[in-house]
Amino acid sequence: MGSVFERFAQAVAGWAGRPAAFAIAFLVVVGWGLSGPIFKWSDTWQLVINTGTTIVTFLMVFLIQNAQNRDAAAIQAKLDELIRAIDNGRNEFIGIEHLGEKELVAIRDRLERECGREMPERHQGIGRLLGRR
């Protein structure tokens, strides 16, 4: 079941992100709106779009989450390979995505302090960049 769902989720997520999918959804909503006078703006007429959009939204949440999980795992594997391949990369960073939030924040803060000491001009440059707003 997993591979069937993954193939289906990948296909739907890829299709849903295309302009044609938006155009079809837009035309459905316009068609629904134009049909209002025919159905005398009835409760059933309103229920059709409400139910349809609710079902599509509910199902798309799971398909999009599957695509995001897959993309995140692929990116993480690529980053791990870069860390492993670089001579002065620290291999202990491989797998830190499995740590808790507090541990990740502590690592991030430590790295920011280390980089700030090594390249203070970089932080000044970022400050100037942000000051342009």
N, C-alpha and C. Protein backbone atom coordinates (compact mmCIF):
# COMPACT_ATOMS: atom_id res chain seq x y z
N MET A 1 0.83 -1.20 0.00
CA MET A 1 0.00 0.00 0.00
C MET A 1 0.86 1.25 0.00
N GLY A 2 1.99 1.21 0.73
CA GLY A 2 2.84 2.38 0.85
C GLY A 2 3.31 2.90 -0.50
N SER A 3 3.78 2.03 -1.36
CA SER A 3 4.30 2.50 -2.64
C SER A 3 3.18 3.00 -3.56
N VAL A 4 2.01 2.39 -3.49
CA VAL A 4 0.87 2.86 -4.29
C VAL A 4 0.47 4.26 -3.82
N PHE A 5 0.36 4.44 -2.51
CA PHE A 5 0.01 5.75 -1.96
C PHE A 5 1.08 6.78 -2.31
N GLU A 6 2.35 6.40 -2.18
CA GLU A 6 3.43 7.34 -2.47
C GLU A 6 3.41 7.78 -3.94
N ARG A 7 3.19 6.83 -4.84
CA ARG A 7 3.11 7.19 -6.27
C ARG A 7 1.91 8.10 -6.53
N PHE A 8 0.78 7.75 -5.92
CA PHE A 8 -0.43 8.56 -6.08
C PHE A 8 -0.22 9.96 -5.50
N ALA A 9 0.33 10.02 -4.29
CA ALA A 9 0.56 11.31 -3.63
C ALA A 9 1.53 12.17 -4.43
N GLN A 10 2.57 11.55 -4.95
CA GLN A 10 3.54 12.30 -5.75
C GLN A 10 2.90 12.83 -7.03
N ALA A 11 2.10 12.02 -7.67
CA ALA A 11 1.44 12.45 -8.91
C ALA A 11 0.45 13.58 -8.64
N VAL A 12 -0.36 13.44 -7.61
CA VAL A 12 -1.35 14.47 -7.29
C VAL A 12 -0.67 15.76 -6.85
N ALA A 13 0.34 15.65 -5.99
CA ALA A 13 1.04 16.86 -5.53
C ALA A 13 1.71 17.57 -6.70
N GLY A 14 2.28 16.81 -7.62
CA GLY A 14 2.90 17.42 -8.79
C GLY A 14 1.87 18.10 -9.68
N TRP A 15 0.73 17.45 -9.87
CA TRP A 15 -0.32 18.02 -10.71
C TRP A 15 -0.96 19.23 -10.03
N ALA A 16 -1.20 19.14 -8.73
CA ALA A 16 -1.90 20.22 -8.02
C ALA A 16 -1.09 21.51 -8.00
N GLY A 17 0.21 21.41 -8.18
CA GLY A 17 1.04 22.61 -8.16
C GLY A 17 1.17 23.29 -9.51
N ARG A 18 0.49 22.81 -10.50
CA ARG A 18 0.59 23.38 -11.85
C ARG A 18 -0.49 24.45 -12.07
N PRO A 19 -0.21 25.40 -12.96
CA PRO A 19 -1.20 26.43 -13.27
C PRO A 19 -2.52 25.85 -13.80
N ALA A 20 -2.45 24.74 -14.53
CA ALA A 20 -3.67 24.14 -15.07
C ALA A 20 -4.62 23.71 -13.95
N ALA A 21 -4.07 23.21 -12.85
CA ALA A 21 -4.91 22.79 -11.72
C ALA A 21 -5.62 24.00 -11.13
N PHE A 22 -4.90 25.11 -11.00
CA PHE A 22 -5.53 26.33 -10.49
C PHE A 22 -6.62 26.79 -11.44
N ALA A 23 -6.34 26.75 -12.73
CA ALA A 23 -7.33 27.19 -13.72
C ALA A 23 -8.59 26.34 -13.65
N ILE A 24 -8.43 25.03 -13.51
CA ILE A 24 -9.60 24.15 -13.40
C ILE A 24 -10.40 24.47 -12.15
N ALA A 25 -9.70 24.63 -11.02
CA ALA A 25 -10.40 24.95 -9.77
C ALA A 25 -11.12 26.30 -9.89
N PHE A 26 -10.47 27.26 -10.50
CA PHE A 26 -11.08 28.57 -10.69
C PHE A 26 -12.33 28.47 -11.55
N LEU A 27 -12.24 27.71 -12.64
CA LEU A 27 -13.40 27.55 -13.53
C LEU A 27 -14.55 26.82 -12.83
N VAL A 28 -14.24 25.86 -11.98
CA VAL A 28 -15.29 25.17 -11.21
C VAL A 28 -16.02 26.17 -10.31
N VAL A 29 -15.26 27.02 -9.63
CA VAL A 29 -15.88 28.00 -8.73
C VAL A 29 -16.69 29.02 -9.53
N VAL A 30 -16.16 29.47 -10.65
CA VAL A 30 -16.91 30.41 -11.50
C VAL A 30 -18.18 29.75 -12.02
N GLY A 31 -18.07 28.50 -12.49
CA GLY A 31 -19.25 27.77 -12.96
C GLY A 31 -20.29 27.60 -11.86
N TRP A 32 -19.81 27.30 -10.67
CA TRP A 32 -20.73 27.17 -9.53
C TRP A 32 -21.42 28.51 -9.27
N GLY A 33 -20.64 29.58 -9.27
CA GLY A 33 -21.23 30.90 -9.02
C GLY A 33 -22.24 31.30 -10.07
N LEU A 34 -21.93 31.02 -11.32
CA LEU A 34 -22.85 31.36 -12.40
C LEU A 34 -24.12 30.51 -12.38
N SER A 35 -24.03 29.32 -11.78
CA SER A 35 -25.22 28.46 -11.71
C SER A 35 -26.15 28.85 -10.56
N GLY A 36 -25.75 29.79 -9.74
CA GLY A 36 -26.57 30.23 -8.61
C GLY A 36 -27.98 30.62 -8.98
N PRO A 37 -28.17 31.49 -9.98
CA PRO A 37 -29.53 31.88 -10.35
C PRO A 37 -30.38 30.70 -10.83
N ILE A 38 -29.75 29.74 -11.50
CA ILE A 38 -30.49 28.57 -11.99
C ILE A 38 -31.07 27.79 -10.82
N PHE A 39 -30.28 27.65 -9.77
CA PHE A 39 -30.72 26.89 -8.59
C PHE A 39 -31.32 27.79 -7.51
N LYS A 40 -31.58 29.04 -7.87
CA LYS A 40 -32.22 30.02 -6.98
C LYS A 40 -31.45 30.18 -5.66
N TRP A 41 -30.13 30.12 -5.76
CA TRP A 41 -29.25 30.34 -4.60
C TRP A 41 -29.65 29.45 -3.41
N SER A 42 -30.08 28.25 -3.70
CA SER A 42 -30.63 27.37 -2.66
C SER A 42 -29.55 26.87 -1.71
N ASP A 43 -30.01 26.32 -0.59
CA ASP A 43 -29.10 25.74 0.39
C ASP A 43 -28.34 24.56 -0.22
N THR A 44 -29.00 23.78 -1.05
CA THR A 44 -28.34 22.65 -1.70
C THR A 44 -27.23 23.14 -2.62
N TRP A 45 -27.50 24.21 -3.34
CA TRP A 45 -26.50 24.80 -4.23
C TRP A 45 -25.27 25.21 -3.43
N GLN A 46 -25.46 25.83 -2.27
CA GLN A 46 -24.35 26.23 -1.42
C GLN A 46 -23.64 25.02 -0.82
N LEU A 47 -24.42 24.01 -0.46
CA LEU A 47 -23.86 22.81 0.15
C LEU A 47 -22.93 22.08 -0.82
N VAL A 48 -23.23 22.14 -2.10
CA VAL A 48 -22.39 21.46 -3.10
C VAL A 48 -20.95 21.99 -3.05
N ILE A 49 -20.80 23.30 -3.11
CA ILE A 49 -19.44 23.86 -3.11
C ILE A 49 -18.78 23.70 -1.74
N ASN A 50 -19.55 23.88 -0.67
CA ASN A 50 -18.98 23.74 0.67
C ASN A 50 -18.47 22.32 0.91
N THR A 51 -19.28 21.34 0.56
CA THR A 51 -18.88 19.95 0.76
C THR A 51 -17.72 19.58 -0.14
N GLY A 52 -17.80 19.97 -1.39
CA GLY A 52 -16.73 19.65 -2.34
C GLY A 52 -15.39 20.23 -1.93
N THR A 53 -15.37 21.50 -1.57
CA THR A 53 -14.10 22.12 -1.19
C THR A 53 -13.58 21.56 0.13
N THR A 54 -14.47 21.22 1.04
CA THR A 54 -14.04 20.64 2.31
C THR A 54 -13.38 19.28 2.09
N ILE A 55 -13.97 18.46 1.27
CA ILE A 55 -13.41 17.13 0.99
C ILE A 55 -12.06 17.26 0.29
N VAL A 56 -11.99 18.11 -0.72
CA VAL A 56 -10.73 18.28 -1.45
C VAL A 56 -9.64 18.81 -0.51
N THR A 57 -9.97 19.79 0.30
CA THR A 57 -8.99 20.36 1.24
C THR A 57 -8.51 19.31 2.23
N PHE A 58 -9.43 18.55 2.80
CA PHE A 58 -9.09 17.52 3.78
C PHE A 58 -8.12 16.51 3.18
N LEU A 59 -8.40 16.04 1.97
CA LEU A 59 -7.55 15.03 1.34
C LEU A 59 -6.20 15.62 0.91
N MET A 60 -6.22 16.86 0.43
CA MET A 60 -4.97 17.48 -0.02
C MET A 60 -3.99 17.69 1.13
N VAL A 61 -4.49 17.91 2.34
CA VAL A 61 -3.59 18.08 3.49
C VAL A 61 -2.66 16.88 3.61
N PHE A 62 -3.21 15.68 3.49
CA PHE A 62 -2.41 14.47 3.64
C PHE A 62 -1.46 14.27 2.46
N LEU A 63 -1.93 14.58 1.27
CA LEU A 63 -1.07 14.43 0.10
C LEU A 63 0.08 15.42 0.12
N ILE A 64 -0.20 16.65 0.50
CA ILE A 64 0.85 17.67 0.56
C ILE A 64 1.83 17.35 1.68
N GLN A 65 1.34 16.88 2.82
CA GLN A 65 2.23 16.51 3.92
C GLN A 65 3.16 15.38 3.51
N ASN A 66 2.63 14.40 2.77
CA ASN A 66 3.46 13.31 2.28
C ASN A 66 4.57 13.84 1.38
N ALA A 67 4.23 14.75 0.49
CA ALA A 67 5.23 15.33 -0.41
C ALA A 67 6.28 16.10 0.38
N GLN A 68 5.86 16.87 1.39
CA GLN A 68 6.81 17.63 2.20
C GLN A 68 7.71 16.70 3.00
N ASN A 69 7.16 15.64 3.55
CA ASN A 69 7.98 14.68 4.29
C ASN A 69 9.04 14.06 3.38
N ARG A 70 8.64 13.68 2.19
CA ARG A 70 9.56 13.07 1.23
C ARG A 70 10.65 14.07 0.84
N ASP A 71 10.26 15.31 0.56
CA ASP A 71 11.23 16.33 0.17
C ASP A 71 12.20 16.62 1.31
N ALA A 72 11.69 16.72 2.53
CA ALA A 72 12.55 16.99 3.69
C ALA A 72 13.55 15.85 3.90
N ALA A 73 13.11 14.62 3.74
CA ALA A 73 14.01 13.47 3.90
C ALA A 73 15.10 13.49 2.83
N ALA A 74 14.73 13.84 1.60
CA ALA A 74 15.71 13.89 0.51
C ALA A 74 16.73 15.00 0.76
N ILE A 75 16.26 16.16 1.17
CA ILE A 75 17.16 17.28 1.45
C ILE A 75 18.09 16.92 2.60
N GLN A 76 17.55 16.29 3.64
CA GLN A 76 18.37 15.91 4.78
C GLN A 76 19.45 14.92 4.37
N ALA A 77 19.11 13.96 3.52
CA ALA A 77 20.10 12.98 3.05
C ALA A 77 21.20 13.68 2.24
N LYS A 78 20.81 14.66 1.43
CA LYS A 78 21.80 15.40 0.65
C LYS A 78 22.71 16.22 1.55
N LEU A 79 22.14 16.87 2.56
CA LEU A 79 22.96 17.64 3.49
C LEU A 79 23.91 16.73 4.26
N ASP A 80 23.41 15.57 4.69
CA ASP A 80 24.27 14.62 5.40
C ASP A 80 25.43 14.19 4.52
N GLU A 81 25.17 13.97 3.24
CA GLU A 81 26.24 13.57 2.32
C GLU A 81 27.24 14.69 2.14
N LEU A 82 26.77 15.93 2.08
CA LEU A 82 27.70 17.07 1.97
C LEU A 82 28.58 17.17 3.21
N ILE A 83 27.99 17.01 4.38
CA ILE A 83 28.77 17.05 5.62
C ILE A 83 29.83 15.95 5.60
N ARG A 84 29.41 14.75 5.20
CA ARG A 84 30.32 13.61 5.17
C ARG A 84 31.45 13.82 4.17
N ALA A 85 31.14 14.44 3.03
CA ALA A 85 32.11 14.57 1.95
C ALA A 85 33.12 15.69 2.17
N ILE A 86 32.77 16.69 2.94
CA ILE A 86 33.66 17.83 3.15
C ILE A 86 34.68 17.45 4.22
N ASP A 87 35.96 17.70 3.92
CA ASP A 87 37.03 17.29 4.83
C ASP A 87 36.90 17.90 6.22
N ASN A 88 36.59 19.19 6.30
CA ASN A 88 36.50 19.81 7.62
C ASN A 88 35.07 19.87 8.14
N GLY A 89 34.15 19.18 7.48
CA GLY A 89 32.78 19.09 7.98
C GLY A 89 32.74 18.24 9.25
N ARG A 90 31.85 18.57 10.15
CA ARG A 90 31.76 17.83 11.41
C ARG A 90 30.68 16.76 11.28
N ASN A 91 31.12 15.51 11.24
CA ASN A 91 30.20 14.40 11.05
C ASN A 91 29.19 14.25 12.18
N GLU A 92 29.47 14.83 13.34
CA GLU A 92 28.51 14.72 14.44
C GLU A 92 27.20 15.46 14.15
N PHE A 93 27.19 16.30 13.11
CA PHE A 93 25.94 16.97 12.74
C PHE A 93 25.00 16.07 11.95
N ILE A 94 25.52 14.98 11.45
CA ILE A 94 24.66 14.05 10.71
C ILE A 94 23.66 13.44 11.68
N GLY A 95 22.39 13.57 11.35
CA GLY A 95 21.32 12.98 12.15
C GLY A 95 20.76 13.89 13.23
N ILE A 96 21.21 15.15 13.31
CA ILE A 96 20.70 16.01 14.38
C ILE A 96 19.23 16.35 14.21
N GLU A 97 18.66 16.09 13.03
CA GLU A 97 17.23 16.36 12.83
C GLU A 97 16.37 15.50 13.74
N HIS A 98 16.95 14.47 14.34
CA HIS A 98 16.20 13.60 15.23
C HIS A 98 16.23 14.09 16.68
N LEU A 99 16.97 15.16 16.96
CA LEU A 99 17.04 15.70 18.31
C LEU A 99 15.78 16.50 18.63
N GLY A 100 15.60 16.80 19.90
CA GLY A 100 14.48 17.62 20.33
C GLY A 100 14.71 19.08 19.99
N GLU A 101 13.66 19.87 20.10
CA GLU A 101 13.74 21.29 19.72
C GLU A 101 14.74 22.05 20.58
N LYS A 102 14.76 21.79 21.89
CA LYS A 102 15.69 22.50 22.77
C LYS A 102 17.14 22.21 22.39
N GLU A 103 17.41 20.96 22.06
CA GLU A 103 18.78 20.59 21.67
C GLU A 103 19.16 21.25 20.35
N LEU A 104 18.23 21.30 19.41
CA LEU A 104 18.51 21.95 18.13
C LEU A 104 18.75 23.45 18.29
N VAL A 105 17.97 24.09 19.15
CA VAL A 105 18.15 25.52 19.40
C VAL A 105 19.51 25.77 20.03
N ALA A 106 19.91 24.90 20.97
CA ALA A 106 21.21 25.05 21.61
C ALA A 106 22.34 24.91 20.59
N ILE A 107 22.22 23.95 19.69
CA ILE A 107 23.24 23.76 18.65
C ILE A 107 23.28 24.97 17.73
N ARG A 108 22.10 25.44 17.32
CA ARG A 108 22.04 26.61 16.44
C ARG A 108 22.68 27.83 17.10
N ASP A 109 22.34 28.06 18.37
CA ASP A 109 22.90 29.21 19.09
C ASP A 109 24.42 29.11 19.20
N ARG A 110 24.91 27.89 19.49
CA ARG A 110 26.36 27.69 19.59
C ARG A 110 27.04 27.98 18.25
N LEU A 111 26.45 27.49 17.16
CA LEU A 111 27.02 27.74 15.84
C LEU A 111 27.01 29.22 15.49
N GLU A 112 25.93 29.91 15.84
CA GLU A 112 25.87 31.35 15.56
C GLU A 112 26.94 32.10 16.34
N ARG A 113 27.17 31.69 17.59
CA ARG A 113 28.22 32.34 18.38
C ARG A 113 29.59 32.06 17.76
N GLU A 114 29.83 30.81 17.36
CA GLU A 114 31.11 30.46 16.73
C GLU A 114 31.33 31.26 15.46
N CYS A 115 30.33 31.34 14.62
CA CYS A 115 30.46 32.07 13.36
C CYS A 115 30.61 33.56 13.60
N GLY A 116 29.96 34.07 14.63
CA GLY A 116 30.06 35.49 14.96
C GLY A 116 31.46 35.87 15.39
N ARG A 117 32.13 34.96 16.13
CA ARG A 117 33.50 35.22 16.56
C ARG A 117 34.46 35.14 15.38
N GLU A 118 34.19 34.22 14.48
CA GLU A 118 35.09 34.02 13.35
C GLU A 118 34.91 35.08 12.27
N MET A 119 33.68 35.58 12.10
CA MET A 119 33.40 36.53 11.03
C MET A 119 32.50 37.66 11.52
N PRO A 120 33.01 38.53 12.41
CA PRO A 120 32.15 39.61 12.91
C PRO A 120 31.69 40.56 11.81
N GLU A 121 32.51 40.72 10.75
CA GLU A 121 32.12 41.61 9.66
C GLU A 121 30.87 41.10 8.93
N ARG A 122 30.66 39.80 8.96
CA ARG A 122 29.47 39.24 8.31
C ARG A 122 28.21 39.73 9.02
N HIS A 123 28.22 39.71 10.34
CA HIS A 123 27.05 40.17 11.10
C HIS A 123 26.83 41.67 10.90
N GLN A 124 27.91 42.43 10.77
CA GLN A 124 27.76 43.86 10.51
C GLN A 124 27.13 44.07 9.14
N GLY A 125 27.55 43.27 8.17
CA GLY A 125 26.99 43.36 6.82
C GLY A 125 25.51 43.04 6.80
N ILE A 126 25.12 42.04 7.57
CA ILE A 126 23.70 41.67 7.66
C ILE A 126 22.92 42.81 8.31
N GLY A 127 23.50 43.43 9.33
CA GLY A 127 22.84 44.57 9.98
C GLY A 127 22.62 45.72 9.01
N ARG A 128 23.63 46.00 8.18
CA ARG A 128 23.48 47.06 7.18
C ARG A 128 22.39 46.69 6.17
N LEU A 129 22.37 45.43 5.78
CA LEU A 129 21.37 44.97 4.82
C LEU A 129 19.97 45.15 5.39
N LEU A 130 19.78 44.75 6.65
CA LEU A 130 18.47 44.88 7.27
C LEU A 130 18.10 46.34 7.51
N GLY A 131 19.08 47.19 7.69
CA GLY A 131 18.83 48.60 7.92
C GLY A 131 18.31 49.32 6.69
N ARG A 132 18.45 48.73 5.52
CA ARG A 132 17.98 49.36 4.28
C ARG A 132 16.47 49.36 4.15
N ARG A 133 15.81 48.56 4.93
CA ARG A 133 14.35 48.46 4.80
C ARG A 133 13.78 49.77 5.09
